[in-house]
Structures are given as C-alpha cells and as structure tokens.
Amino acid sequence: MSGVIVKALRQALGGLLKSSGGSETKDRTDQDMSYSTMLLIGLLTAIALLIYFRYAVVAGMADPWRLAIISVAAAMVVTFIFTTVSAWAIAVISTTRSRE
C-alpha cells in the first residue's frame, strides 16, 4: 500500500508544479480542480479547524494554542490516512471488477 501513497504524492506534487497549458474546451463538469486550488482549500480548512479548536473546543484549558495545533495536526494525519486507504480500496475494487 505504500506504493499507492508514493504514487499519489508524486502525482499531486507534479500537478502543483506543472503549468496548465492547453486551449482545449471542455464542459464545466468535465474539468478537474487544479492541485493548487485543492491545496488552498486544504489550508483554509486547516485554519478554520485551528480557530474552531482554539475558541470552541479547548478554550478553557491550559495552553489552548498548543492543544489546538496538536488537534489540527492529528485531524490532518487521520484525514490523510483515510484518504489513502479509501483510494487504495477503490483501486482494489475496480481492479477486481474489471476481471469479472
């Protein structure tokens, strides 16, 4: 499964660095989101989570900023693992289906 993670990271980082060159017209629903847009959405989500954890979840505890940062980091790690396992499961299912 680590090969799947490496391949996904390589594709994502390659998409961030690659410029979009092409004048081909596609339907709006047939276009993929750019990796830079997804990165921006991810960063905004992490900031929103940080604010939520700091001011709503750990507001009354000692050292709330440290706890909020740890909470956001844990949430991002769990999200990354869930995403890669889901992608792996979809790949296994689609490979099994194509053999039938």
N, C-alpha and C. Protein backbone atom coordinates (compact mmCIF):
# COMPACT_ATOMS: atom_id res chain seq x y z
N MET A 1 0.82 -1.19 0.00
CA MET A 1 0.00 0.00 0.00
C MET A 1 0.86 1.25 0.00
N SER A 2 2.11 1.16 0.45
CA SER A 2 2.96 2.35 0.46
C SER A 2 3.26 2.83 -0.95
N GLY A 3 3.24 1.92 -1.93
CA GLY A 3 3.43 2.33 -3.31
C GLY A 3 2.32 3.24 -3.79
N VAL A 4 1.10 2.98 -3.32
CA VAL A 4 -0.04 3.81 -3.68
C VAL A 4 0.14 5.22 -3.11
N ILE A 5 0.61 5.30 -1.87
CA ILE A 5 0.82 6.60 -1.23
C ILE A 5 1.89 7.38 -1.96
N VAL A 6 2.99 6.72 -2.30
CA VAL A 6 4.08 7.40 -3.01
C VAL A 6 3.61 7.88 -4.38
N LYS A 7 2.88 7.04 -5.08
CA LYS A 7 2.38 7.41 -6.42
C LYS A 7 1.43 8.60 -6.33
N ALA A 8 0.54 8.59 -5.33
CA ALA A 8 -0.41 9.69 -5.17
C ALA A 8 0.30 10.99 -4.84
N LEU A 9 1.30 10.92 -3.95
CA LEU A 9 2.06 12.13 -3.61
C LEU A 9 2.83 12.66 -4.81
N ARG A 10 3.42 11.76 -5.58
CA ARG A 10 4.18 12.19 -6.77
C ARG A 10 3.25 12.88 -7.77
N GLN A 11 2.06 12.32 -7.97
CA GLN A 11 1.11 12.92 -8.91
C GLN A 11 0.63 14.28 -8.40
N ALA A 12 0.37 14.38 -7.10
CA ALA A 12 -0.12 15.65 -6.54
C ALA A 12 0.95 16.73 -6.64
N LEU A 13 2.17 16.40 -6.25
CA LEU A 13 3.24 17.39 -6.31
C LEU A 13 3.57 17.76 -7.75
N GLY A 14 3.49 16.80 -8.67
CA GLY A 14 3.71 17.10 -10.08
C GLY A 14 2.63 18.02 -10.62
N GLY A 15 1.39 17.85 -10.16
CA GLY A 15 0.30 18.71 -10.59
C GLY A 15 0.44 20.13 -10.06
N LEU A 16 1.03 20.27 -8.88
CA LEU A 16 1.25 21.61 -8.33
C LEU A 16 2.29 22.38 -9.13
N LEU A 17 3.31 21.67 -9.59
CA LEU A 17 4.43 22.34 -10.26
C LEU A 17 4.20 22.50 -11.76
N LYS A 18 3.28 21.71 -12.33
CA LYS A 18 3.05 21.74 -13.77
C LYS A 18 2.12 22.90 -14.12
N SER A 19 2.47 23.62 -15.16
CA SER A 19 1.60 24.70 -15.62
C SER A 19 0.51 24.12 -16.50
N SER A 20 -0.64 24.74 -16.48
CA SER A 20 -1.75 24.25 -17.29
C SER A 20 -1.67 24.89 -18.67
N GLY A 21 -1.20 24.12 -19.61
CA GLY A 21 -1.09 24.63 -20.97
C GLY A 21 -2.00 23.84 -21.88
N GLY A 22 -2.88 24.50 -22.54
CA GLY A 22 -3.80 23.81 -23.42
C GLY A 22 -5.02 24.66 -23.64
N SER A 23 -5.45 24.73 -24.86
CA SER A 23 -6.60 25.57 -25.15
C SER A 23 -7.82 24.73 -25.50
N GLU A 24 -7.82 23.48 -25.06
CA GLU A 24 -8.92 22.59 -25.35
C GLU A 24 -10.13 22.98 -24.52
N THR A 25 -11.30 23.11 -25.15
CA THR A 25 -12.51 23.50 -24.45
C THR A 25 -13.22 22.25 -23.95
N LYS A 26 -13.56 22.26 -22.66
CA LYS A 26 -14.26 21.14 -22.03
C LYS A 26 -15.50 21.66 -21.35
N ASP A 27 -16.44 20.75 -21.11
CA ASP A 27 -17.60 21.11 -20.31
C ASP A 27 -17.14 21.45 -18.90
N ARG A 28 -17.90 22.29 -18.24
CA ARG A 28 -17.53 22.69 -16.88
C ARG A 28 -17.49 21.47 -15.96
N THR A 29 -18.40 20.54 -16.15
CA THR A 29 -18.46 19.36 -15.28
C THR A 29 -17.43 18.32 -15.64
N ASP A 30 -16.71 18.52 -16.75
CA ASP A 30 -15.71 17.56 -17.20
C ASP A 30 -14.30 18.02 -16.84
N GLN A 31 -14.18 19.11 -16.11
CA GLN A 31 -12.86 19.65 -15.76
C GLN A 31 -12.51 19.28 -14.32
N ASP A 32 -11.25 18.95 -14.11
CA ASP A 32 -10.76 18.65 -12.77
C ASP A 32 -10.37 19.94 -12.06
N MET A 33 -10.42 19.90 -10.73
CA MET A 33 -9.92 21.03 -9.95
C MET A 33 -8.40 20.98 -9.99
N SER A 34 -7.76 22.12 -10.03
CA SER A 34 -6.31 22.15 -10.04
C SER A 34 -5.79 21.80 -8.64
N TYR A 35 -4.57 21.28 -8.60
CA TYR A 35 -3.98 20.92 -7.32
C TYR A 35 -3.74 22.15 -6.45
N SER A 36 -3.43 23.28 -7.08
CA SER A 36 -3.23 24.49 -6.28
C SER A 36 -4.53 24.94 -5.62
N THR A 37 -5.66 24.75 -6.30
CA THR A 37 -6.96 25.08 -5.70
C THR A 37 -7.25 24.15 -4.53
N MET A 38 -6.97 22.86 -4.71
CA MET A 38 -7.19 21.91 -3.61
C MET A 38 -6.28 22.20 -2.43
N LEU A 39 -5.04 22.62 -2.70
CA LEU A 39 -4.12 22.98 -1.62
C LEU A 39 -4.64 24.20 -0.87
N LEU A 40 -5.13 25.19 -1.59
CA LEU A 40 -5.69 26.38 -0.95
C LEU A 40 -6.90 26.03 -0.09
N ILE A 41 -7.77 25.19 -0.60
CA ILE A 41 -8.94 24.76 0.18
C ILE A 41 -8.51 24.00 1.42
N GLY A 42 -7.49 23.15 1.29
CA GLY A 42 -6.98 22.41 2.44
C GLY A 42 -6.39 23.32 3.50
N LEU A 43 -5.62 24.33 3.07
CA LEU A 43 -5.05 25.27 4.03
C LEU A 43 -6.13 26.10 4.73
N LEU A 44 -7.12 26.54 3.97
CA LEU A 44 -8.22 27.29 4.59
C LEU A 44 -9.00 26.43 5.57
N THR A 45 -9.17 25.16 5.25
CA THR A 45 -9.85 24.24 6.16
C THR A 45 -9.03 24.03 7.43
N ALA A 46 -7.71 23.90 7.29
CA ALA A 46 -6.85 23.73 8.47
C ALA A 46 -6.91 24.97 9.36
N ILE A 47 -6.93 26.14 8.76
CA ILE A 47 -7.01 27.39 9.55
C ILE A 47 -8.37 27.47 10.25
N ALA A 48 -9.44 27.10 9.54
CA ALA A 48 -10.77 27.11 10.16
C ALA A 48 -10.83 26.11 11.32
N LEU A 49 -10.23 24.94 11.15
CA LEU A 49 -10.19 23.96 12.23
C LEU A 49 -9.40 24.49 13.42
N LEU A 50 -8.29 25.16 13.15
CA LEU A 50 -7.47 25.72 14.22
C LEU A 50 -8.27 26.74 15.03
N ILE A 51 -8.97 27.61 14.35
CA ILE A 51 -9.78 28.62 15.03
C ILE A 51 -10.91 27.96 15.83
N TYR A 52 -11.55 26.96 15.22
CA TYR A 52 -12.64 26.25 15.91
C TYR A 52 -12.12 25.55 17.16
N PHE A 53 -11.02 24.79 17.02
CA PHE A 53 -10.48 24.09 18.18
C PHE A 53 -10.05 25.07 19.27
N ARG A 54 -9.40 26.16 18.88
CA ARG A 54 -8.88 27.12 19.86
C ARG A 54 -9.99 27.80 20.63
N TYR A 55 -11.02 28.28 19.94
CA TYR A 55 -12.03 29.10 20.60
C TYR A 55 -13.29 28.35 21.02
N ALA A 56 -13.49 27.12 20.56
CA ALA A 56 -14.70 26.39 20.93
C ALA A 56 -14.41 25.12 21.72
N VAL A 57 -13.35 24.41 21.38
CA VAL A 57 -13.12 23.10 21.99
C VAL A 57 -12.21 23.20 23.21
N VAL A 58 -11.06 23.85 23.08
CA VAL A 58 -10.09 23.88 24.18
C VAL A 58 -9.95 25.26 24.79
N ALA A 59 -10.97 26.07 24.70
CA ALA A 59 -10.88 27.46 25.16
C ALA A 59 -10.59 27.58 26.65
N GLY A 60 -11.15 26.71 27.46
CA GLY A 60 -10.97 26.84 28.90
C GLY A 60 -9.79 26.08 29.46
N MET A 61 -9.03 25.41 28.64
CA MET A 61 -7.92 24.59 29.12
C MET A 61 -6.61 25.39 29.14
N ALA A 62 -5.64 24.82 29.83
CA ALA A 62 -4.32 25.46 29.89
C ALA A 62 -3.62 25.29 28.54
N ASP A 63 -2.96 26.34 28.09
CA ASP A 63 -2.21 26.37 26.83
C ASP A 63 -3.08 25.94 25.63
N PRO A 64 -4.14 26.70 25.37
CA PRO A 64 -5.09 26.29 24.33
C PRO A 64 -4.51 26.31 22.91
N TRP A 65 -3.56 27.20 22.62
CA TRP A 65 -2.99 27.24 21.26
C TRP A 65 -2.21 25.96 20.96
N ARG A 66 -1.45 25.49 21.92
CA ARG A 66 -0.68 24.26 21.72
C ARG A 66 -1.63 23.07 21.51
N LEU A 67 -2.67 22.99 22.32
CA LEU A 67 -3.64 21.92 22.17
C LEU A 67 -4.37 21.99 20.84
N ALA A 68 -4.70 23.20 20.40
CA ALA A 68 -5.39 23.36 19.12
C ALA A 68 -4.50 22.94 17.96
N ILE A 69 -3.22 23.30 18.01
CA ILE A 69 -2.29 22.91 16.95
C ILE A 69 -2.11 21.40 16.91
N ILE A 70 -1.98 20.77 18.08
CA ILE A 70 -1.87 19.32 18.14
C ILE A 70 -3.14 18.67 17.59
N SER A 71 -4.30 19.23 17.92
CA SER A 71 -5.57 18.69 17.44
C SER A 71 -5.70 18.77 15.92
N VAL A 72 -5.29 19.91 15.35
CA VAL A 72 -5.35 20.08 13.90
C VAL A 72 -4.38 19.12 13.22
N ALA A 73 -3.19 18.97 13.78
CA ALA A 73 -2.21 18.03 13.21
C ALA A 73 -2.75 16.61 13.24
N ALA A 74 -3.35 16.21 14.35
CA ALA A 74 -3.93 14.87 14.44
C ALA A 74 -5.07 14.69 13.43
N ALA A 75 -5.91 15.71 13.29
CA ALA A 75 -7.01 15.63 12.32
C ALA A 75 -6.49 15.51 10.89
N MET A 76 -5.42 16.23 10.56
CA MET A 76 -4.85 16.16 9.21
C MET A 76 -4.22 14.80 8.94
N VAL A 77 -3.55 14.22 9.94
CA VAL A 77 -2.95 12.89 9.77
C VAL A 77 -4.03 11.85 9.55
N VAL A 78 -5.08 11.89 10.36
CA VAL A 78 -6.18 10.93 10.20
C VAL A 78 -6.85 11.12 8.84
N THR A 79 -7.03 12.35 8.40
CA THR A 79 -7.62 12.62 7.10
C THR A 79 -6.77 12.06 5.97
N PHE A 80 -5.45 12.26 6.05
CA PHE A 80 -4.55 11.73 5.03
C PHE A 80 -4.61 10.21 4.97
N ILE A 81 -4.58 9.56 6.14
CA ILE A 81 -4.64 8.10 6.17
C ILE A 81 -5.98 7.61 5.61
N PHE A 82 -7.08 8.24 6.00
CA PHE A 82 -8.39 7.84 5.50
C PHE A 82 -8.46 7.98 3.98
N THR A 83 -7.93 9.07 3.46
CA THR A 83 -7.97 9.31 2.01
C THR A 83 -7.16 8.27 1.25
N THR A 84 -5.96 7.96 1.72
CA THR A 84 -5.13 6.99 1.01
C THR A 84 -5.71 5.59 1.10
N VAL A 85 -6.26 5.21 2.24
CA VAL A 85 -6.88 3.89 2.36
C VAL A 85 -8.12 3.81 1.48
N SER A 86 -8.89 4.87 1.41
CA SER A 86 -10.08 4.88 0.54
C SER A 86 -9.69 4.76 -0.93
N ALA A 87 -8.66 5.48 -1.33
CA ALA A 87 -8.19 5.39 -2.72
C ALA A 87 -7.69 3.98 -3.03
N TRP A 88 -6.98 3.38 -2.07
CA TRP A 88 -6.48 2.01 -2.26
C TRP A 88 -7.65 1.04 -2.38
N ALA A 89 -8.68 1.19 -1.53
CA ALA A 89 -9.84 0.30 -1.59
C ALA A 89 -10.59 0.45 -2.91
N ILE A 90 -10.72 1.67 -3.39
CA ILE A 90 -11.38 1.88 -4.68
C ILE A 90 -10.59 1.24 -5.80
N ALA A 91 -9.26 1.35 -5.74
CA ALA A 91 -8.43 0.73 -6.76
C ALA A 91 -8.55 -0.78 -6.72
N VAL A 92 -8.60 -1.37 -5.55
CA VAL A 92 -8.74 -2.83 -5.43
C VAL A 92 -10.10 -3.27 -5.97
N ILE A 93 -11.14 -2.56 -5.62
CA ILE A 93 -12.48 -2.93 -6.09
C ILE A 93 -12.59 -2.80 -7.60
N SER A 94 -12.06 -1.72 -8.15
CA SER A 94 -12.15 -1.53 -9.60
C SER A 94 -11.29 -2.56 -10.34
N THR A 95 -10.16 -2.96 -9.78
CA THR A 95 -9.33 -3.99 -10.39
C THR A 95 -10.04 -5.32 -10.34
N THR A 96 -10.69 -5.64 -9.23
CA THR A 96 -11.42 -6.90 -9.10
C THR A 96 -12.62 -6.92 -10.05
N ARG A 97 -13.31 -5.83 -10.20
CA ARG A 97 -14.47 -5.76 -11.08
C ARG A 97 -14.08 -5.92 -12.54
N SER A 98 -12.92 -5.41 -12.92
CA SER A 98 -12.54 -5.49 -14.33
C SER A 98 -12.14 -6.91 -14.72
N ARG A 99 -11.86 -7.77 -13.77
CA ARG A 99 -11.51 -9.17 -14.05
C ARG A 99 -12.72 -10.04 -14.25
N GLU A 100 -13.88 -9.60 -13.82
CA GLU A 100 -15.10 -10.43 -13.91
C GLU A 100 -15.59 -10.55 -15.32
